Amino acid sequence: MDIHDFFPSISHQRIYKFFRRLEWAPDVARLVTRLTTAEGHLPQGYPTSPRLAACCLETAGVRIHNFCRQQGVAVTIYVDDVILSADHRARNVVHLLKRALREAGFRVNPQKIREMLRPGRQEILGLVVNEKTNVPREYIRDLHHRLMAAKTRIRLGETVSESERQYLKGRIRYLRTVNPHRATRCERLFRDIQWDPGEDA
């Protein structure tokens, strides 16, 4: 499930109060609040926003983790995504989770609550997590297609931009963090492409 408007729902007043709870001097708390907020709230895209948002969510997070542990449910909170994992259906946990978030000043986006049951594909944050973590097959097919297309274009005398080459390299490196075997095959194909001399994956 997804927390609705996660960063915009955290106001600059809330960030200021957080810094004051750390016993920062008022002028320091105000300065850092101005540096880490925009238009009255935490902005999306600032490198500081995820960590500050996590701090604001901490109280509700502890309550959610404790309750889920009692119910035999594993919970993972990643930025604005809340993921529940269990061998049984956990609808009572979902209701408690919604209440805890509401009391902490957050709302769950009802359009983004998904229940994924076996044996169907369970995909979370762009990763398939049924038996072991993997990228979707579509990711590998698309990457292979792009590599073959680049190889064909270069063979025909066309140029492939440096940004596109770096984009492909980045996707292969991401794949390696999840599925090293598949990444090795893509790296081999990347090296077969006649890029500038000395370039490789």
N, C-alpha and C. Protein backbone atom coordinates (compact mmCIF):
# COMPACT_ATOMS: atom_id res chain seq x y z
N MET A 1 0.84 -1.19 0.00
CA MET A 1 0.00 0.00 0.00
C MET A 1 0.88 1.25 0.00
N ASP A 2 0.25 2.37 -0.31
CA ASP A 2 0.99 3.60 -0.53
C ASP A 2 0.44 4.70 0.38
N ILE A 3 1.34 5.47 1.00
CA ILE A 3 0.92 6.61 1.81
C ILE A 3 0.65 7.78 0.87
N HIS A 4 -0.55 8.32 0.94
CA HIS A 4 -1.00 9.36 0.02
C HIS A 4 -0.24 10.67 0.26
N ASP A 5 0.29 11.24 -0.85
CA ASP A 5 0.99 12.54 -0.79
C ASP A 5 1.98 12.58 0.39
N PHE A 6 2.85 11.61 0.43
CA PHE A 6 3.71 11.41 1.60
C PHE A 6 4.52 12.65 1.94
N PHE A 7 5.36 13.11 1.01
CA PHE A 7 6.21 14.26 1.31
C PHE A 7 5.40 15.55 1.51
N PRO A 8 4.44 15.87 0.63
CA PRO A 8 3.66 17.10 0.84
C PRO A 8 2.87 17.12 2.15
N SER A 9 2.57 15.93 2.70
CA SER A 9 1.78 15.90 3.94
C SER A 9 2.63 16.21 5.17
N ILE A 10 3.95 16.35 4.99
CA ILE A 10 4.83 16.65 6.12
C ILE A 10 5.19 18.14 6.04
N SER A 11 4.59 18.93 6.89
CA SER A 11 4.73 20.39 6.82
C SER A 11 6.07 20.86 7.39
N HIS A 12 6.42 22.10 7.06
CA HIS A 12 7.65 22.66 7.60
C HIS A 12 7.56 22.83 9.12
N GLN A 13 6.33 23.07 9.65
CA GLN A 13 6.18 23.16 11.11
C GLN A 13 6.54 21.82 11.76
N ARG A 14 6.14 20.76 11.12
CA ARG A 14 6.43 19.44 11.67
C ARG A 14 7.94 19.16 11.66
N ILE A 15 8.61 19.58 10.61
CA ILE A 15 10.06 19.39 10.53
C ILE A 15 10.75 20.25 11.60
N TYR A 16 10.27 21.48 11.78
CA TYR A 16 10.85 22.35 12.81
C TYR A 16 10.70 21.73 14.20
N LYS A 17 9.51 21.19 14.49
CA LYS A 17 9.26 20.56 15.79
C LYS A 17 10.17 19.34 15.98
N PHE A 18 10.41 18.62 14.89
CA PHE A 18 11.31 17.46 14.98
C PHE A 18 12.71 17.91 15.40
N PHE A 19 13.23 18.95 14.78
CA PHE A 19 14.56 19.45 15.14
C PHE A 19 14.59 19.98 16.57
N ARG A 20 13.51 20.60 16.99
CA ARG A 20 13.47 21.11 18.37
C ARG A 20 13.46 19.96 19.38
N ARG A 21 12.80 18.84 19.01
CA ARG A 21 12.81 17.68 19.91
C ARG A 21 14.22 17.11 20.07
N LEU A 22 15.08 17.38 19.09
CA LEU A 22 16.48 16.98 19.19
C LEU A 22 17.27 17.96 20.06
N GLU A 23 16.55 18.95 20.58
CA GLU A 23 17.14 19.98 21.45
C GLU A 23 18.09 20.90 20.68
N TRP A 24 17.79 21.11 19.41
CA TRP A 24 18.53 22.11 18.65
C TRP A 24 18.03 23.49 19.06
N ALA A 25 18.91 24.47 19.01
CA ALA A 25 18.52 25.85 19.29
C ALA A 25 17.48 26.31 18.26
N PRO A 26 16.53 27.15 18.65
CA PRO A 26 15.47 27.58 17.72
C PRO A 26 16.00 28.15 16.41
N ASP A 27 17.05 28.99 16.48
CA ASP A 27 17.55 29.60 15.24
C ASP A 27 18.17 28.54 14.32
N VAL A 28 18.85 27.56 14.90
CA VAL A 28 19.43 26.48 14.09
C VAL A 28 18.31 25.63 13.48
N ALA A 29 17.30 25.29 14.27
CA ALA A 29 16.18 24.50 13.78
C ALA A 29 15.45 25.20 12.65
N ARG A 30 15.27 26.53 12.79
CA ARG A 30 14.61 27.30 11.73
C ARG A 30 15.44 27.30 10.45
N LEU A 31 16.75 27.49 10.59
CA LEU A 31 17.63 27.53 9.42
C LEU A 31 17.61 26.20 8.67
N VAL A 32 17.77 25.10 9.39
CA VAL A 32 17.80 23.78 8.74
C VAL A 32 16.43 23.44 8.16
N THR A 33 15.37 23.88 8.82
CA THR A 33 14.03 23.68 8.28
C THR A 33 13.88 24.39 6.94
N ARG A 34 14.38 25.64 6.87
CA ARG A 34 14.31 26.38 5.60
C ARG A 34 15.12 25.69 4.51
N LEU A 35 16.24 25.09 4.89
CA LEU A 35 17.11 24.43 3.91
C LEU A 35 16.53 23.11 3.40
N THR A 36 15.68 22.48 4.19
CA THR A 36 15.21 21.13 3.84
C THR A 36 13.74 21.08 3.43
N THR A 37 13.06 22.23 3.42
CA THR A 37 11.66 22.26 2.99
C THR A 37 11.49 23.28 1.87
N ALA A 38 10.38 23.17 1.17
CA ALA A 38 10.06 24.11 0.09
C ALA A 38 8.55 24.22 -0.01
N GLU A 39 8.07 25.43 -0.19
CA GLU A 39 6.64 25.69 -0.31
C GLU A 39 5.85 25.12 0.87
N GLY A 40 6.47 25.16 2.05
CA GLY A 40 5.76 24.78 3.26
C GLY A 40 5.75 23.30 3.60
N HIS A 41 6.50 22.49 2.87
CA HIS A 41 6.49 21.05 3.16
C HIS A 41 7.78 20.40 2.67
N LEU A 42 7.93 19.12 2.97
CA LEU A 42 9.07 18.37 2.45
C LEU A 42 8.91 18.22 0.95
N PRO A 43 9.92 18.57 0.17
CA PRO A 43 9.81 18.45 -1.28
C PRO A 43 10.28 17.08 -1.76
N GLN A 44 9.66 16.63 -2.83
CA GLN A 44 10.12 15.39 -3.46
C GLN A 44 11.38 15.71 -4.26
N GLY A 45 12.38 14.86 -4.15
CA GLY A 45 13.61 15.06 -4.91
C GLY A 45 14.77 15.58 -4.10
N TYR A 46 14.51 16.19 -2.95
CA TYR A 46 15.61 16.61 -2.08
C TYR A 46 16.26 15.37 -1.46
N PRO A 47 17.57 15.32 -1.39
CA PRO A 47 18.22 14.13 -0.81
C PRO A 47 17.91 13.95 0.67
N THR A 48 17.52 15.03 1.35
CA THR A 48 17.22 14.95 2.78
C THR A 48 15.80 14.49 3.07
N SER A 49 14.91 14.57 2.08
CA SER A 49 13.49 14.31 2.33
C SER A 49 13.20 12.88 2.81
N PRO A 50 13.74 11.83 2.18
CA PRO A 50 13.41 10.48 2.65
C PRO A 50 13.77 10.23 4.11
N ARG A 51 14.95 10.71 4.52
CA ARG A 51 15.37 10.47 5.90
C ARG A 51 14.52 11.26 6.89
N LEU A 52 14.22 12.52 6.57
CA LEU A 52 13.38 13.31 7.47
C LEU A 52 11.97 12.75 7.54
N ALA A 53 11.46 12.28 6.41
CA ALA A 53 10.12 11.68 6.39
C ALA A 53 10.10 10.42 7.26
N ALA A 54 11.15 9.62 7.18
CA ALA A 54 11.23 8.40 7.98
C ALA A 54 11.23 8.73 9.47
N CYS A 55 11.90 9.81 9.84
CA CYS A 55 11.93 10.24 11.24
C CYS A 55 10.54 10.65 11.70
N CYS A 56 9.78 11.34 10.84
CA CYS A 56 8.43 11.75 11.19
C CYS A 56 7.49 10.56 11.29
N LEU A 57 7.81 9.50 10.57
CA LEU A 57 6.97 8.30 10.55
C LEU A 57 7.35 7.31 11.66
N GLU A 58 8.41 7.62 12.39
CA GLU A 58 9.00 6.64 13.31
C GLU A 58 8.02 6.15 14.38
N THR A 59 7.28 7.05 15.00
CA THR A 59 6.37 6.64 16.07
C THR A 59 5.32 5.67 15.56
N ALA A 60 4.68 6.03 14.45
CA ALA A 60 3.69 5.13 13.85
C ALA A 60 4.36 3.83 13.41
N GLY A 61 5.58 3.93 12.90
CA GLY A 61 6.30 2.75 12.42
C GLY A 61 6.57 1.76 13.53
N VAL A 62 6.95 2.23 14.71
CA VAL A 62 7.21 1.34 15.85
C VAL A 62 5.93 0.62 16.25
N ARG A 63 4.84 1.37 16.30
CA ARG A 63 3.55 0.78 16.66
C ARG A 63 3.13 -0.28 15.65
N ILE A 64 3.31 0.02 14.36
CA ILE A 64 2.95 -0.93 13.30
C ILE A 64 3.82 -2.18 13.39
N HIS A 65 5.11 -2.01 13.56
CA HIS A 65 6.03 -3.16 13.63
C HIS A 65 5.68 -4.06 14.82
N ASN A 66 5.39 -3.46 15.98
CA ASN A 66 5.07 -4.25 17.17
C ASN A 66 3.78 -5.06 16.97
N PHE A 67 2.76 -4.42 16.42
CA PHE A 67 1.49 -5.11 16.21
C PHE A 67 1.66 -6.23 15.17
N CYS A 68 2.37 -5.94 14.10
CA CYS A 68 2.56 -6.95 13.05
C CYS A 68 3.32 -8.16 13.59
N ARG A 69 4.30 -7.91 14.45
CA ARG A 69 5.06 -9.02 15.03
C ARG A 69 4.14 -9.93 15.84
N GLN A 70 3.22 -9.32 16.58
CA GLN A 70 2.27 -10.11 17.38
C GLN A 70 1.36 -10.95 16.50
N GLN A 71 1.08 -10.44 15.28
CA GLN A 71 0.16 -11.13 14.37
C GLN A 71 0.88 -12.07 13.41
N GLY A 72 2.19 -12.19 13.55
CA GLY A 72 2.93 -13.06 12.65
C GLY A 72 3.04 -12.51 11.24
N VAL A 73 3.10 -11.20 11.14
CA VAL A 73 3.18 -10.53 9.83
C VAL A 73 4.47 -9.74 9.76
N ALA A 74 5.19 -9.90 8.67
CA ALA A 74 6.40 -9.09 8.45
C ALA A 74 6.00 -7.80 7.76
N VAL A 75 6.56 -6.68 8.21
CA VAL A 75 6.23 -5.39 7.60
C VAL A 75 7.51 -4.70 7.17
N THR A 76 7.47 -4.11 5.99
CA THR A 76 8.59 -3.33 5.46
C THR A 76 8.05 -1.97 5.05
N ILE A 77 8.69 -0.91 5.53
CA ILE A 77 8.30 0.44 5.13
C ILE A 77 9.46 1.04 4.35
N TYR A 78 9.21 1.34 3.07
CA TYR A 78 10.24 1.91 2.20
C TYR A 78 9.71 3.23 1.65
N VAL A 79 10.20 4.32 2.21
CA VAL A 79 9.73 5.67 1.87
C VAL A 79 8.21 5.73 2.07
N ASP A 80 7.41 5.76 1.00
CA ASP A 80 5.96 5.86 1.18
C ASP A 80 5.23 4.55 0.88
N ASP A 81 5.97 3.46 0.73
CA ASP A 81 5.36 2.16 0.48
C ASP A 81 5.41 1.31 1.74
N VAL A 82 4.28 0.72 2.09
CA VAL A 82 4.18 -0.18 3.24
C VAL A 82 3.83 -1.56 2.72
N ILE A 83 4.67 -2.54 3.03
CA ILE A 83 4.52 -3.90 2.48
C ILE A 83 4.34 -4.87 3.63
N LEU A 84 3.28 -5.65 3.57
CA LEU A 84 2.99 -6.68 4.56
C LEU A 84 3.19 -8.05 3.93
N SER A 85 3.85 -8.94 4.64
CA SER A 85 4.09 -10.30 4.14
C SER A 85 3.68 -11.30 5.21
N ALA A 86 2.86 -12.29 4.80
CA ALA A 86 2.39 -13.28 5.77
C ALA A 86 1.93 -14.54 5.03
N ASP A 87 1.84 -15.63 5.79
CA ASP A 87 1.32 -16.88 5.24
C ASP A 87 -0.19 -16.95 5.35
N HIS A 88 -0.80 -15.90 5.89
CA HIS A 88 -2.24 -15.84 6.02
C HIS A 88 -2.70 -14.44 5.64
N ARG A 89 -3.97 -14.28 5.38
CA ARG A 89 -4.49 -12.96 5.03
C ARG A 89 -4.47 -12.07 6.27
N ALA A 90 -4.13 -10.80 6.06
CA ALA A 90 -3.84 -9.92 7.21
C ALA A 90 -4.69 -8.66 7.16
N ARG A 91 -5.99 -8.82 6.91
CA ARG A 91 -6.83 -7.64 6.77
C ARG A 91 -6.98 -6.87 8.08
N ASN A 92 -6.97 -7.60 9.23
CA ASN A 92 -7.08 -6.88 10.51
C ASN A 92 -5.85 -6.01 10.74
N VAL A 93 -4.70 -6.47 10.23
CA VAL A 93 -3.48 -5.67 10.34
C VAL A 93 -3.59 -4.42 9.48
N VAL A 94 -4.19 -4.55 8.31
CA VAL A 94 -4.36 -3.40 7.41
C VAL A 94 -5.19 -2.31 8.09
N HIS A 95 -6.25 -2.71 8.78
CA HIS A 95 -7.10 -1.72 9.46
C HIS A 95 -6.32 -1.00 10.56
N LEU A 96 -5.53 -1.73 11.34
CA LEU A 96 -4.72 -1.10 12.39
C LEU A 96 -3.69 -0.18 11.78
N LEU A 97 -3.10 -0.62 10.69
CA LEU A 97 -2.07 0.18 10.02
C LEU A 97 -2.65 1.51 9.54
N LYS A 98 -3.83 1.45 8.94
CA LYS A 98 -4.48 2.69 8.47
C LYS A 98 -4.72 3.64 9.65
N ARG A 99 -5.21 3.10 10.77
CA ARG A 99 -5.50 3.94 11.93
C ARG A 99 -4.22 4.56 12.49
N ALA A 100 -3.17 3.76 12.60
CA ALA A 100 -1.90 4.26 13.14
C ALA A 100 -1.34 5.37 12.26
N LEU A 101 -1.43 5.20 10.95
CA LEU A 101 -0.95 6.24 10.04
C LEU A 101 -1.81 7.50 10.13
N ARG A 102 -3.12 7.30 10.22
CA ARG A 102 -4.02 8.46 10.32
C ARG A 102 -3.73 9.26 11.58
N GLU A 103 -3.50 8.57 12.70
CA GLU A 103 -3.21 9.26 13.96
C GLU A 103 -1.87 9.98 13.91
N ALA A 104 -0.97 9.52 13.00
CA ALA A 104 0.34 10.17 12.84
C ALA A 104 0.30 11.28 11.79
N GLY A 105 -0.90 11.54 11.24
CA GLY A 105 -1.03 12.62 10.26
C GLY A 105 -0.87 12.19 8.82
N PHE A 106 -0.94 10.89 8.54
CA PHE A 106 -0.81 10.39 7.17
C PHE A 106 -2.10 9.70 6.74
N ARG A 107 -2.25 9.54 5.42
CA ARG A 107 -3.41 8.83 4.89
C ARG A 107 -2.94 7.78 3.88
N VAL A 108 -3.61 6.63 3.90
CA VAL A 108 -3.32 5.59 2.91
C VAL A 108 -4.09 5.90 1.63
N ASN A 109 -3.43 5.74 0.51
CA ASN A 109 -4.08 5.94 -0.78
C ASN A 109 -4.91 4.69 -1.09
N PRO A 110 -6.25 4.79 -1.06
CA PRO A 110 -7.09 3.58 -1.26
C PRO A 110 -6.94 2.98 -2.65
N GLN A 111 -6.49 3.79 -3.61
CA GLN A 111 -6.31 3.28 -4.98
C GLN A 111 -5.05 2.44 -5.12
N LYS A 112 -4.20 2.45 -4.11
CA LYS A 112 -2.92 1.75 -4.22
C LYS A 112 -2.74 0.67 -3.16
N ILE A 113 -3.85 0.08 -2.74
CA ILE A 113 -3.78 -1.08 -1.85
C ILE A 113 -3.93 -2.32 -2.73
N ARG A 114 -2.93 -3.17 -2.72
CA ARG A 114 -2.96 -4.37 -3.55
C ARG A 114 -2.70 -5.60 -2.69
N GLU A 115 -3.48 -6.65 -2.94
CA GLU A 115 -3.26 -7.93 -2.28
C GLU A 115 -2.75 -8.90 -3.34
N MET A 116 -1.60 -9.48 -3.09
CA MET A 116 -0.98 -10.40 -4.06
C MET A 116 -0.86 -11.77 -3.42
N LEU A 117 -1.61 -12.71 -3.97
CA LEU A 117 -1.66 -14.06 -3.42
C LEU A 117 -0.88 -15.03 -4.30
N ARG A 118 -0.35 -16.08 -3.69
CA ARG A 118 0.25 -17.16 -4.46
C ARG A 118 -0.87 -17.95 -5.14
N PRO A 119 -0.63 -18.55 -6.30
CA PRO A 119 0.65 -18.64 -7.01
C PRO A 119 0.88 -17.52 -8.01
N GLY A 120 0.06 -16.46 -7.97
CA GLY A 120 0.25 -15.36 -8.92
C GLY A 120 1.55 -14.62 -8.69
N ARG A 121 1.95 -13.83 -9.67
CA ARG A 121 3.20 -13.08 -9.55
C ARG A 121 3.05 -12.01 -8.47
N GLN A 122 4.02 -11.96 -7.56
CA GLN A 122 4.04 -10.96 -6.49
C GLN A 122 5.17 -9.99 -6.81
N GLU A 123 4.79 -8.79 -7.22
CA GLU A 123 5.78 -7.79 -7.65
C GLU A 123 5.71 -6.59 -6.73
N ILE A 124 6.85 -6.25 -6.13
CA ILE A 124 6.93 -5.14 -5.19
C ILE A 124 8.10 -4.25 -5.58
N LEU A 125 7.85 -2.95 -5.70
CA LEU A 125 8.89 -1.98 -6.01
C LEU A 125 9.68 -2.38 -7.25
N GLY A 126 8.98 -2.94 -8.24
CA GLY A 126 9.64 -3.31 -9.49
C GLY A 126 10.40 -4.62 -9.45
N LEU A 127 10.27 -5.37 -8.35
CA LEU A 127 10.95 -6.66 -8.23
C LEU A 127 9.92 -7.76 -7.99
N VAL A 128 10.18 -8.93 -8.59
CA VAL A 128 9.35 -10.11 -8.37
C VAL A 128 9.89 -10.83 -7.14
N VAL A 129 9.03 -11.14 -6.16
CA VAL A 129 9.51 -11.67 -4.88
C VAL A 129 8.85 -13.01 -4.51
N ASN A 130 8.34 -13.75 -5.48
CA ASN A 130 7.63 -15.00 -5.16
C ASN A 130 8.50 -15.99 -4.37
N GLU A 131 9.51 -16.56 -5.02
CA GLU A 131 10.38 -17.52 -4.36
C GLU A 131 11.71 -16.88 -3.99
N LYS A 132 12.26 -16.13 -4.91
CA LYS A 132 13.47 -15.37 -4.65
C LYS A 132 13.35 -14.04 -5.39
N THR A 133 14.09 -13.07 -4.95
CA THR A 133 14.01 -11.74 -5.55
C THR A 133 14.58 -11.75 -6.96
N ASN A 134 13.85 -11.19 -7.89
CA ASN A 134 14.29 -11.14 -9.28
C ASN A 134 13.64 -9.94 -9.96
N VAL A 135 14.21 -9.53 -11.09
CA VAL A 135 13.56 -8.49 -11.89
C VAL A 135 12.48 -9.17 -12.74
N PRO A 136 11.46 -8.44 -13.16
CA PRO A 136 10.46 -9.03 -14.05
C PRO A 136 11.08 -9.46 -15.37
N ARG A 137 10.51 -10.48 -15.99
CA ARG A 137 11.01 -10.94 -17.29
C ARG A 137 11.00 -9.82 -18.32
N GLU A 138 9.99 -8.92 -18.19
CA GLU A 138 9.88 -7.82 -19.15
C GLU A 138 11.10 -6.91 -19.10
N TYR A 139 11.67 -6.74 -17.91
CA TYR A 139 12.87 -5.90 -17.76
C TYR A 139 14.03 -6.48 -18.57
N ILE A 140 14.24 -7.80 -18.43
CA ILE A 140 15.35 -8.45 -19.14
C ILE A 140 15.11 -8.44 -20.64
N ARG A 141 13.87 -8.72 -21.07
CA ARG A 141 13.56 -8.71 -22.50
C ARG A 141 13.79 -7.33 -23.10
N ASP A 142 13.33 -6.29 -22.38
CA ASP A 142 13.50 -4.92 -22.89
C ASP A 142 14.98 -4.55 -22.97
N LEU A 143 15.76 -4.91 -21.93
CA LEU A 143 17.19 -4.61 -21.94
C LEU A 143 17.89 -5.32 -23.09
N HIS A 144 17.58 -6.60 -23.29
CA HIS A 144 18.18 -7.37 -24.38
C HIS A 144 17.82 -6.75 -25.73
N HIS A 145 16.57 -6.35 -25.87
CA HIS A 145 16.12 -5.72 -27.13
C HIS A 145 16.89 -4.42 -27.38
N ARG A 146 17.07 -3.60 -26.36
CA ARG A 146 17.79 -2.34 -26.53
C ARG A 146 19.26 -2.57 -26.89
N LEU A 147 19.87 -3.59 -26.27
CA LEU A 147 21.27 -3.89 -26.59
C LEU A 147 21.40 -4.37 -28.03
N MET A 148 20.50 -5.23 -28.47
CA MET A 148 20.55 -5.72 -29.85
C MET A 148 20.29 -4.59 -30.84
N ALA A 149 19.38 -3.69 -30.48
CA ALA A 149 19.09 -2.56 -31.37
C ALA A 149 20.30 -1.65 -31.49
N ALA A 150 21.01 -1.40 -30.38
CA ALA A 150 22.22 -0.57 -30.42
C ALA A 150 23.29 -1.24 -31.28
N LYS A 151 23.44 -2.55 -31.12
CA LYS A 151 24.44 -3.29 -31.89
C LYS A 151 24.15 -3.19 -33.39
N THR A 152 22.88 -3.33 -33.76
CA THR A 152 22.47 -3.25 -35.17
C THR A 152 22.69 -1.85 -35.72
N ARG A 153 22.34 -0.83 -34.95
CA ARG A 153 22.49 0.55 -35.43
C ARG A 153 23.96 0.88 -35.68
N ILE A 154 24.84 0.45 -34.77
CA ILE A 154 26.27 0.72 -34.95
C ILE A 154 26.80 -0.02 -36.16
N ARG A 155 26.36 -1.26 -36.36
CA ARG A 155 26.79 -2.05 -37.52
C ARG A 155 26.36 -1.38 -38.82
N LEU A 156 25.24 -0.66 -38.80
CA LEU A 156 24.74 0.03 -39.98
C LEU A 156 25.35 1.42 -40.15
N GLY A 157 26.29 1.77 -39.26
CA GLY A 157 26.97 3.05 -39.38
C GLY A 157 26.32 4.18 -38.63
N GLU A 158 25.27 3.90 -37.89
CA GLU A 158 24.63 4.95 -37.09
C GLU A 158 25.39 5.13 -35.78
N THR A 159 25.12 6.24 -35.13
CA THR A 159 25.79 6.49 -33.85
C THR A 159 24.82 6.27 -32.71
N VAL A 160 25.35 5.84 -31.59
CA VAL A 160 24.58 5.69 -30.36
C VAL A 160 25.16 6.68 -29.37
N SER A 161 24.33 7.52 -28.80
CA SER A 161 24.81 8.59 -27.93
C SER A 161 25.45 8.04 -26.66
N GLU A 162 26.34 8.85 -26.08
CA GLU A 162 26.99 8.47 -24.83
C GLU A 162 25.96 8.30 -23.71
N SER A 163 24.92 9.14 -23.70
CA SER A 163 23.90 9.04 -22.65
C SER A 163 23.15 7.71 -22.75
N GLU A 164 22.90 7.26 -23.99
CA GLU A 164 22.22 5.97 -24.17
C GLU A 164 23.12 4.82 -23.74
N ARG A 165 24.40 4.92 -24.06
CA ARG A 165 25.35 3.88 -23.66
C ARG A 165 25.43 3.79 -22.13
N GLN A 166 25.48 4.96 -21.46
CA GLN A 166 25.53 4.97 -20.00
C GLN A 166 24.22 4.45 -19.40
N TYR A 167 23.11 4.75 -20.08
CA TYR A 167 21.81 4.26 -19.62
C TYR A 167 21.79 2.73 -19.65
N LEU A 168 22.26 2.14 -20.73
CA LEU A 168 22.30 0.68 -20.84
C LEU A 168 23.24 0.08 -19.79
N LYS A 169 24.38 0.72 -19.61
CA LYS A 169 25.34 0.24 -18.61
C LYS A 169 24.72 0.28 -17.21
N GLY A 170 24.00 1.35 -16.91
CA GLY A 170 23.35 1.46 -15.61
C GLY A 170 22.30 0.39 -15.39
N ARG A 171 21.54 0.06 -16.42
CA ARG A 171 20.53 -0.98 -16.29
C ARG A 171 21.16 -2.35 -16.08
N ILE A 172 22.30 -2.58 -16.73
CA ILE A 172 23.00 -3.85 -16.53
C ILE A 172 23.54 -3.94 -15.10
N ARG A 173 24.08 -2.84 -14.61
CA ARG A 173 24.61 -2.84 -13.23
C ARG A 173 23.50 -3.06 -12.21
N TYR A 174 22.34 -2.47 -12.47
CA TYR A 174 21.20 -2.72 -11.58
C TYR A 174 20.82 -4.20 -11.62
N LEU A 175 20.77 -4.77 -12.83
CA LEU A 175 20.44 -6.18 -12.98
C LEU A 175 21.42 -7.05 -12.21
N ARG A 176 22.70 -6.68 -12.22
CA ARG A 176 23.70 -7.48 -11.50
C ARG A 176 23.42 -7.53 -10.00
N THR A 177 22.85 -6.48 -9.43
CA THR A 177 22.56 -6.48 -7.99
C THR A 177 21.44 -7.45 -7.65
N VAL A 178 20.64 -7.82 -8.65
CA VAL A 178 19.48 -8.67 -8.40
C VAL A 178 19.68 -10.08 -8.97
N ASN A 179 20.19 -10.15 -10.20
CA ASN A 179 20.36 -11.44 -10.89
C ASN A 179 21.70 -11.46 -11.61
N PRO A 180 22.79 -11.80 -10.90
CA PRO A 180 24.13 -11.77 -11.51
C PRO A 180 24.26 -12.64 -12.75
N HIS A 181 23.58 -13.78 -12.77
CA HIS A 181 23.69 -14.68 -13.93
C HIS A 181 23.17 -14.01 -15.20
N ARG A 182 21.98 -13.42 -15.11
CA ARG A 182 21.42 -12.72 -16.27
C ARG A 182 22.28 -11.52 -16.64
N ALA A 183 22.82 -10.84 -15.63
CA ALA A 183 23.65 -9.66 -15.90
C ALA A 183 24.90 -10.04 -16.67
N THR A 184 25.48 -11.19 -16.35
CA THR A 184 26.70 -11.63 -17.06
C THR A 184 26.42 -11.78 -18.55
N ARG A 185 25.29 -12.33 -18.89
CA ARG A 185 24.94 -12.49 -20.31
C ARG A 185 24.77 -11.14 -20.99
N CYS A 186 24.13 -10.20 -20.30
CA CYS A 186 23.95 -8.86 -20.88
C CYS A 186 25.28 -8.12 -20.99
N GLU A 187 26.17 -8.31 -20.01
CA GLU A 187 27.50 -7.69 -20.07
C GLU A 187 28.28 -8.21 -21.27
N ARG A 188 28.15 -9.50 -21.53
CA ARG A 188 28.84 -10.08 -22.69
C ARG A 188 28.33 -9.46 -23.98
N LEU A 189 27.02 -9.29 -24.07
CA LEU A 189 26.43 -8.66 -25.26
C LEU A 189 26.86 -7.21 -25.37
N PHE A 190 26.93 -6.50 -24.23
CA PHE A 190 27.37 -5.10 -24.22
C PHE A 190 28.80 -4.99 -24.76
N ARG A 191 29.68 -5.91 -24.33
CA ARG A 191 31.08 -5.87 -24.77
C ARG A 191 31.22 -6.21 -26.26
N ASP A 192 30.29 -6.98 -26.79
CA ASP A 192 30.34 -7.35 -28.20
C ASP A 192 30.01 -6.17 -29.12
N ILE A 193 29.37 -5.15 -28.55
CA ILE A 193 29.03 -3.98 -29.34
C ILE A 193 30.29 -3.14 -29.56
N GLN A 194 30.49 -2.66 -30.75
CA GLN A 194 31.71 -1.91 -31.09
C GLN A 194 31.58 -0.45 -30.67
N TRP A 195 31.64 -0.24 -29.34
CA TRP A 195 31.64 1.11 -28.82
C TRP A 195 33.02 1.73 -29.12
N ASP A 196 33.29 2.89 -28.52
CA ASP A 196 34.62 3.46 -28.65
C ASP A 196 35.64 2.50 -28.04
N PRO A 197 36.88 2.47 -28.55
CA PRO A 197 37.89 1.55 -28.03
C PRO A 197 38.07 1.72 -26.53
N GLY A 198 38.17 0.59 -25.85
CA GLY A 198 38.42 0.59 -24.41
C GLY A 198 37.19 0.65 -23.56
N GLU A 199 36.00 0.81 -24.19
CA GLU A 199 34.78 0.88 -23.41
C GLU A 199 34.25 -0.52 -23.14
N ASP A 200 33.80 -0.77 -21.91
CA ASP A 200 33.16 -2.04 -21.60
C ASP A 200 32.16 -1.81 -20.49
N ALA A 201 31.50 -2.90 -20.06
CA ALA A 201 30.44 -2.77 -19.04
C ALA A 201 31.04 -2.64 -17.66
